Amino acid sequence: MHKHNFYAGPSILSQYTIKNTAEAVIDFAGTGLSILEVSHRSKEFVAVMEEARALVKELLEVPDGYSVLFLGGGASLQFCMVPFNLLARKAAYMETGTWAVNAIKEARLFGEVDVVASSKDANFNYIPKGFTVPQDADYFHYTSNNTIYGTEIRHDLDAGKVRLVCDMSSDIFSRPVDVSKYDVIYAGAQKNLAPAGATIVIVREDALGHVERPIPTMLDYRTHIKKDSMFNTPPVLPIFSALQTLRWYKEQGGVKELEKRDIAKADLLYEAIDSSRMFEGTVKDHADRSIMNVCFVMKPEYKELEKEFVDFAAARGIVGIKGHRSVGGFRASLYNALPIESVRALVEAMNEFQSSH
């Protein structure tokens, strides 16, 4: 049975990425060695790293003065690396979900944190508006897409003269980004790029070196810039897979084309939810709705049927739609590699289930 993969992460990858990675596990670049055992210093893997960096710069139109890094530790390590490198006295944060909460917790180990806006009062089901970023902050940090709660900021925020930092883990490459507005962009690979294990960091080089604290070598962005992400052994397999995805993105027409497809998928599913007598979305303001992670629940009178629907969908090859425990209900993750046919299959299952009840 064909599977429709809606898992939130690790999540669906293109067949191009999976096939090429599987082949490299057997024989990488004609070396007679597996990508699992090849030296990261070999000319073949150095070429992988160089091409991957170049494609990130090309696809996101990264300007001069920025470095693209591939690091380990996941996006969660960036929760401390950012303040380690940038926080001298005070930082401003927006609190829009679990990962923002975790980032705030880490930043408070390094200095004062001003939470300038929060949606915690409504279980993070909206994006705060009308807040002010204090211009004496060292930087302003926000999470662009909130995977658990299904909210997303689909435009580049303006922090005035304050440095801008964004966790784009679950929506990077889903829309054009004006990288010049940011000082640090980071993203775990396991949503829209590769298997878990690698993290992309795009960092403005002149933003570094302005804190007085000593920074451990591994946590200093300058270490990894100087060594081209090869200071220590990088996560070789995820970076190889990331390169395959980046090549596939370019073949598909780049980020603008991916955004067009992602919007079409999200519109199809949200329309089905909004027109349903059984289902309802958890994010009411359409402007705040994520096109990557669509969260919805059963209306109160049908609540007891949620598990039955998950089983109903699974019998049709639809997997990964159970909502996070903090929200409940359902979550359909529509990452770049997910074909619109899978969304159609989910909508058909929703309509069939509703008709049978």
Protein backbone atom coordinates (compact mmCIF):
# COMPACT_ATOMS: atom_id res chain seq x y z
CA MET A 1 0.00 0.00 0.00
CA HIS A 2 1.28 3.47 -0.89
CA LYS A 3 1.84 5.55 2.22
CA HIS A 4 0.93 9.23 2.55
CA ASN A 5 3.47 10.57 5.06
CA PHE A 6 2.25 13.49 7.18
CA TYR A 7 4.72 13.10 10.05
CA ALA A 8 5.99 16.36 11.54
CA GLY A 9 9.63 15.35 11.70
CA PRO A 10 11.60 13.36 10.87
CA SER A 11 9.39 13.71 7.86
CA ILE A 12 8.88 12.96 4.20
CA LEU A 13 11.80 13.25 1.80
CA SER A 14 11.70 13.30 -1.98
CA GLN A 15 12.20 10.00 -3.73
CA TYR A 16 15.15 11.67 -5.47
CA THR A 17 16.82 12.20 -2.09
CA ILE A 18 16.00 8.74 -0.77
CA LYS A 19 17.14 6.92 -3.92
CA ASN A 20 20.41 8.82 -4.25
CA THR A 21 21.18 8.47 -0.55
CA ALA A 22 20.44 4.73 -0.64
CA GLU A 23 22.82 4.32 -3.59
CA ALA A 24 25.53 6.28 -1.78
CA VAL A 25 25.17 4.04 1.25
CA ILE A 26 26.34 1.21 -1.02
CA ASP A 27 28.85 3.12 -3.16
CA PHE A 28 29.56 6.82 -2.67
CA ALA A 29 30.70 8.74 -5.76
CA GLY A 30 32.32 5.66 -7.28
CA THR A 31 34.77 5.33 -4.41
CA GLY A 32 33.83 1.75 -3.61
CA LEU A 33 33.10 2.98 -0.08
CA SER A 34 29.80 3.70 1.64
CA ILE A 35 28.92 7.29 2.53
CA LEU A 36 28.63 5.82 6.03
CA GLU A 37 32.35 5.07 6.16
CA VAL A 38 34.03 7.60 3.88
CA SER A 39 36.42 10.19 5.31
CA HIS A 40 34.89 13.64 5.65
CA ARG A 41 38.29 14.94 4.49
CA SER A 42 38.13 13.03 1.22
CA LYS A 43 37.93 15.17 -1.91
CA GLU A 44 34.59 13.50 -2.74
CA PHE A 45 32.92 14.57 0.48
CA VAL A 46 34.54 18.01 0.51
CA ALA A 47 32.86 18.48 -2.88
CA VAL A 48 29.51 17.53 -1.30
CA MET A 49 29.92 20.13 1.44
CA GLU A 50 30.98 22.85 -1.00
CA GLU A 51 28.07 22.20 -3.36
CA ALA A 52 25.56 22.06 -0.51
CA ARG A 53 26.72 25.44 0.81
CA ALA A 54 26.64 26.91 -2.68
CA LEU A 55 23.08 25.68 -3.33
CA VAL A 56 21.79 27.10 -0.03
CA LYS A 57 23.26 30.45 -1.05
CA GLU A 58 21.76 30.19 -4.53
CA LEU A 59 18.27 29.05 -3.50
CA LEU A 60 17.93 31.63 -0.70
CA GLU A 61 19.91 34.34 -2.51
CA VAL A 62 22.28 34.71 0.42
CA PRO A 63 24.28 37.95 0.03
CA ASP A 64 27.99 38.45 0.51
CA GLY A 65 29.18 38.68 4.10
CA TYR A 66 27.31 35.57 5.26
CA SER A 67 28.56 32.06 5.94
CA VAL A 68 26.50 28.89 5.53
CA LEU A 69 27.31 26.25 8.12
CA PHE A 70 26.26 22.62 8.51
CA LEU A 71 26.47 21.74 12.20
CA GLY A 72 25.38 18.92 14.51
CA GLY A 73 23.25 19.18 17.62
CA GLY A 74 19.94 20.05 16.00
CA ALA A 75 18.18 23.40 16.25
CA SER A 76 18.05 22.93 20.02
CA LEU A 77 21.82 23.49 20.25
CA GLN A 78 21.29 26.85 18.53
CA PHE A 79 19.12 27.90 21.48
CA CYS A 80 22.37 28.33 23.42
CA MET A 81 24.80 29.04 20.55
CA VAL A 82 22.89 32.17 19.54
CA PRO A 83 23.07 33.87 22.96
CA PHE A 84 26.61 32.57 23.54
CA ASN A 85 27.71 34.45 20.42
CA LEU A 86 25.36 37.45 20.36
CA LEU A 87 23.95 38.24 23.81
CA ALA A 88 26.08 40.82 25.63
CA ARG A 89 23.42 42.28 27.92
CA LYS A 90 19.81 41.84 26.81
CA ALA A 91 17.91 39.97 24.11
CA ALA A 92 14.30 40.22 22.95
CA TYR A 93 12.25 37.11 22.17
CA MET A 94 8.78 36.34 20.83
CA GLU A 95 7.10 33.40 22.58
CA THR A 96 4.91 31.48 20.14
CA GLY A 97 5.31 27.84 21.07
CA THR A 98 7.30 25.07 22.69
CA TRP A 99 10.53 25.68 20.80
CA ALA A 100 10.41 29.43 21.44
CA VAL A 101 9.89 28.67 25.15
CA ASN A 102 12.96 26.44 25.10
CA ALA A 103 15.02 29.06 23.31
CA ILE A 104 14.03 31.68 25.91
CA LYS A 105 15.00 29.34 28.73
CA GLU A 106 18.50 28.88 27.30
CA ALA A 107 19.02 32.57 26.57
CA ARG A 108 18.29 33.46 30.20
CA LEU A 109 21.48 31.62 31.14
CA PHE A 110 23.48 34.33 29.35
CA GLY A 111 21.72 37.59 30.14
CA GLU A 112 18.43 39.44 30.44
CA VAL A 113 15.60 38.29 28.19
CA ASP A 114 12.68 40.56 27.33
CA VAL A 115 9.71 38.52 26.08
CA VAL A 116 8.16 41.24 23.93
CA ALA A 117 5.13 39.21 22.83
CA SER A 118 3.50 35.89 23.67
CA SER A 119 0.52 33.80 22.59
CA LYS A 120 0.79 31.47 25.57
CA ASP A 121 -2.53 32.78 26.92
CA ALA A 122 -4.40 30.93 24.15
CA ASN A 123 -2.24 27.79 23.94
CA PHE A 124 -0.17 29.42 21.19
CA ASN A 125 -2.96 29.34 18.61
CA TYR A 126 -2.23 32.81 17.19
CA ILE A 127 0.67 35.09 16.25
CA PRO A 128 1.05 38.18 18.48
CA LYS A 129 0.65 41.55 16.77
CA GLY A 130 1.48 45.13 17.60
CA PHE A 131 4.50 44.49 19.80
CA THR A 132 7.59 46.67 20.04
CA VAL A 133 11.16 45.42 19.88
CA PRO A 134 13.33 47.37 22.38
CA GLN A 135 16.06 49.06 20.37
CA ASP A 136 18.63 48.52 23.11
CA ALA A 137 18.40 44.71 22.71
CA ASP A 138 21.38 42.84 21.31
CA TYR A 139 19.06 40.87 19.04
CA PHE A 140 15.43 39.86 18.51
CA HIS A 141 14.65 36.15 18.15
CA TYR A 142 11.50 34.53 16.80
CA THR A 143 10.36 31.15 15.50
CA SER A 144 8.84 31.51 12.05
CA ASN A 145 6.77 28.30 12.05
CA ASN A 146 5.36 26.61 15.13
CA THR A 147 5.20 22.94 14.26
CA ILE A 148 3.14 21.81 17.23
CA TYR A 149 0.49 24.54 17.14
CA GLY A 150 0.16 25.25 13.41
CA THR A 151 0.96 28.97 13.32
CA GLU A 152 3.42 30.66 10.99
CA ILE A 153 4.91 34.07 10.25
CA ARG A 154 5.19 34.10 6.47
CA HIS A 155 7.07 37.35 6.07
CA ASP A 156 10.35 38.83 7.24
CA LEU A 157 9.90 40.80 10.45
CA ASP A 158 11.38 44.24 11.00
CA ALA A 159 13.35 44.69 14.22
CA GLY A 160 14.56 48.20 13.46
CA LYS A 161 18.27 48.54 14.22
CA VAL A 162 18.29 45.39 16.34
CA ARG A 163 19.92 42.24 15.01
CA LEU A 164 17.36 39.70 13.80
CA VAL A 165 17.58 35.96 14.54
CA CYS A 166 15.10 33.36 13.33
CA ASP A 167 14.53 29.66 13.91
CA MET A 168 13.22 28.50 10.51
CA SER A 169 13.48 24.80 11.25
CA SER A 170 10.12 23.77 9.88
CA ASP A 171 9.54 26.22 7.03
CA ILE A 172 12.93 27.00 5.51
CA PHE A 173 12.85 26.75 1.69
CA SER A 174 9.05 27.16 1.68
CA ARG A 175 9.15 30.86 0.79
CA PRO A 176 11.63 33.47 -0.43
CA VAL A 177 13.54 35.11 2.44
CA ASP A 178 15.38 38.42 2.47
CA VAL A 179 18.45 37.05 4.20
CA SER A 180 19.98 40.54 4.42
CA LYS A 181 17.47 41.39 7.17
CA TYR A 182 18.83 38.64 9.43
CA ASP A 183 22.01 38.11 11.39
CA VAL A 184 21.38 34.42 12.11
CA ILE A 185 18.97 31.98 10.48
CA TYR A 186 19.04 28.38 11.69
CA ALA A 187 17.07 25.28 10.83
CA GLY A 188 17.16 21.64 11.83
CA ALA A 189 17.28 19.49 8.70
CA GLN A 190 14.62 16.94 9.61
CA LYS A 191 11.60 18.89 8.38
CA ASN A 192 12.32 20.20 4.90
CA LEU A 193 15.78 19.00 4.00
CA ALA A 194 17.32 15.75 5.26
CA PRO A 195 17.32 13.07 7.94
CA ALA A 196 17.83 14.30 11.49
CA GLY A 197 21.39 15.10 12.49
CA ALA A 198 22.36 18.23 10.58
CA THR A 199 21.49 21.87 11.16
CA ILE A 200 21.86 24.72 8.68
CA VAL A 201 23.08 28.01 10.14
CA ILE A 202 23.30 31.14 8.00
CA VAL A 203 25.25 33.76 9.93
CA ARG A 204 26.31 37.33 9.17
CA GLU A 205 30.04 37.33 9.80
CA ASP A 206 30.27 40.91 11.13
CA ALA A 207 27.66 40.11 13.80
CA LEU A 208 30.25 37.99 15.61
CA GLY A 209 33.01 38.90 18.03
CA HIS A 210 31.11 41.53 20.01
CA VAL A 211 30.67 39.70 23.31
CA GLU A 212 33.35 39.69 26.00
CA ARG A 213 32.67 36.25 27.43
CA PRO A 214 34.92 33.36 26.45
CA ILE A 215 33.07 31.01 24.10
CA PRO A 216 33.87 27.29 24.05
CA THR A 217 35.52 26.41 20.76
CA MET A 218 32.72 24.16 19.53
CA LEU A 219 30.06 26.77 20.34
CA ASP A 220 31.79 29.66 18.59
CA TYR A 221 30.38 30.28 15.10
CA ARG A 222 33.78 31.66 14.06
CA THR A 223 35.34 28.25 14.62
CA HIS A 224 33.03 26.65 12.08
CA ILE A 225 33.29 29.51 9.61
CA LYS A 226 37.08 29.30 9.66
CA LYS A 227 37.04 25.52 9.22
CA ASP A 228 34.23 25.36 6.59
CA SER A 229 32.03 23.29 8.94
CA MET A 230 34.86 20.75 9.23
CA PHE A 231 36.32 21.63 12.64
CA ASN A 232 35.14 18.25 13.83
CA THR A 233 33.60 15.36 11.91
CA PRO A 234 30.33 16.69 10.52
CA PRO A 235 27.13 14.62 10.19
CA VAL A 236 28.17 13.19 6.83
CA LEU A 237 25.07 11.22 5.83
CA PRO A 238 22.48 13.98 6.58
CA ILE A 239 24.62 16.53 4.73
CA PHE A 240 24.81 14.24 1.69
CA SER A 241 21.01 13.84 1.83
CA ALA A 242 20.62 17.60 2.21
CA LEU A 243 22.61 18.08 -0.98
CA GLN A 244 20.25 15.74 -2.84
CA THR A 245 17.24 17.71 -1.58
CA LEU A 246 18.85 21.01 -2.53
CA ARG A 247 19.52 19.68 -6.04
CA TRP A 248 15.91 18.52 -6.24
CA TYR A 249 14.66 21.93 -5.10
CA LYS A 250 16.63 23.59 -7.87
CA GLU A 251 15.26 21.11 -10.44
CA GLN A 252 11.70 21.82 -9.24
CA GLY A 253 12.12 25.53 -9.99
CA GLY A 254 13.46 26.89 -6.73
CA VAL A 255 11.86 28.38 -3.64
CA LYS A 256 9.18 30.43 -5.42
CA GLU A 257 7.84 27.32 -7.12
CA LEU A 258 7.95 25.37 -3.86
CA GLU A 259 6.00 28.13 -2.13
CA LYS A 260 3.35 28.06 -4.86
CA ARG A 261 2.90 24.30 -4.41
CA ASP A 262 2.88 24.53 -0.61
CA ILE A 263 0.16 27.20 -0.65
CA ALA A 264 -1.96 25.08 -3.02
CA LYS A 265 -1.67 22.06 -0.70
CA ALA A 266 -2.51 24.09 2.40
CA ASP A 267 -5.45 25.84 0.71
CA LEU A 268 -6.92 22.48 -0.31
CA LEU A 269 -6.78 21.09 3.21
CA TYR A 270 -7.90 24.24 5.02
CA GLU A 271 -10.88 24.55 2.67
CA ALA A 272 -11.91 20.99 3.53
CA ILE A 273 -11.59 21.71 7.25
CA ASP A 274 -13.46 25.01 7.13
CA SER A 275 -16.34 23.56 5.12
CA SER A 276 -16.66 20.47 7.30
CA ARG A 277 -19.44 19.82 9.80
CA MET A 278 -17.16 17.41 11.71
CA PHE A 279 -13.68 19.01 11.71
CA GLU A 280 -12.46 22.47 12.70
CA GLY A 281 -9.12 24.25 12.63
CA THR A 282 -7.34 25.21 15.85
CA VAL A 283 -5.91 28.45 14.37
CA LYS A 284 -8.85 30.72 13.61
CA ASP A 285 -7.06 33.69 12.05
CA HIS A 286 -6.31 32.65 8.48
CA ALA A 287 -3.33 35.02 8.37
CA ASP A 288 -1.67 33.07 11.21
CA ARG A 289 -2.18 29.61 9.75
CA SER A 290 0.84 27.55 8.86
CA ILE A 291 1.15 26.13 5.36
CA MET A 292 3.61 23.56 6.72
CA ASN A 293 1.70 22.12 9.69
CA VAL A 294 -2.10 22.12 9.53
CA CYS A 295 -3.64 21.51 12.96
CA PHE A 296 -7.31 20.59 13.35
CA VAL A 297 -9.64 18.75 15.73
CA MET A 298 -13.06 17.14 15.80
CA LYS A 299 -15.88 19.49 16.76
CA PRO A 300 -17.06 18.85 20.35
CA GLU A 301 -19.99 16.66 19.36
CA TYR A 302 -17.66 14.31 17.45
CA LYS A 303 -14.69 14.38 19.83
CA GLU A 304 -14.96 10.71 20.76
CA LEU A 305 -14.37 9.76 17.10
CA GLU A 306 -10.81 11.12 16.87
CA LYS A 307 -9.02 7.82 17.43
CA GLU A 308 -11.43 6.09 15.08
CA PHE A 309 -10.54 8.59 12.34
CA VAL A 310 -6.80 8.08 12.86
CA ASP A 311 -7.34 4.32 12.39
CA PHE A 312 -9.64 4.96 9.42
CA ALA A 313 -6.98 7.09 7.74
CA ALA A 314 -4.20 4.60 8.51
CA ALA A 315 -6.17 1.87 6.75
CA ARG A 316 -5.95 4.07 3.64
CA GLY A 317 -2.21 4.55 3.93
CA ILE A 318 -2.42 7.96 5.62
CA VAL A 319 0.11 8.09 8.46
CA GLY A 320 1.44 10.68 10.88
CA ILE A 321 -1.71 12.76 11.33
CA LYS A 322 -2.17 12.37 15.08
CA GLY A 323 -1.82 15.78 16.75
CA HIS A 324 0.79 16.64 19.33
CA ARG A 325 -0.28 15.73 22.86
CA SER A 326 -0.37 19.42 23.90
CA VAL A 327 -2.99 20.19 21.23
CA GLY A 328 -4.69 16.87 20.52
CA GLY A 329 -6.69 16.17 17.39
CA PHE A 330 -4.77 16.01 14.16
CA ARG A 331 -1.74 17.55 12.48
CA ALA A 332 -0.98 17.19 8.79
CA SER A 333 2.53 18.30 7.91
CA LEU A 334 2.74 19.48 4.30
CA TYR A 335 6.47 19.80 3.78
CA ASN A 336 7.97 20.46 0.36
CA ALA A 337 8.41 16.80 -0.55
CA LEU A 338 4.76 15.92 0.11
CA PRO A 339 2.82 15.66 -3.18
CA ILE A 340 -0.59 17.27 -3.47
CA GLU A 341 -1.99 13.80 -4.20
CA SER A 342 -1.41 12.93 -0.55
CA VAL A 343 -3.43 15.96 0.54
CA ARG A 344 -6.23 14.91 -1.80
CA ALA A 345 -6.16 11.44 -0.24
CA LEU A 346 -6.52 12.96 3.23
CA VAL A 347 -9.38 15.21 2.15
CA GLU A 348 -11.16 12.25 0.56
CA ALA A 349 -10.74 10.25 3.77
CA MET A 350 -12.14 13.13 5.81
CA ASN A 351 -15.17 13.43 3.53
CA GLU A 352 -15.75 9.66 3.49
CA PHE A 353 -15.48 9.43 7.27
CA GLN A 354 -17.85 12.34 7.74
CA SER A 355 -20.40 10.81 5.35
CA SER A 356 -20.32 7.53 7.26
CA HIS A 357 -21.19 9.32 10.52
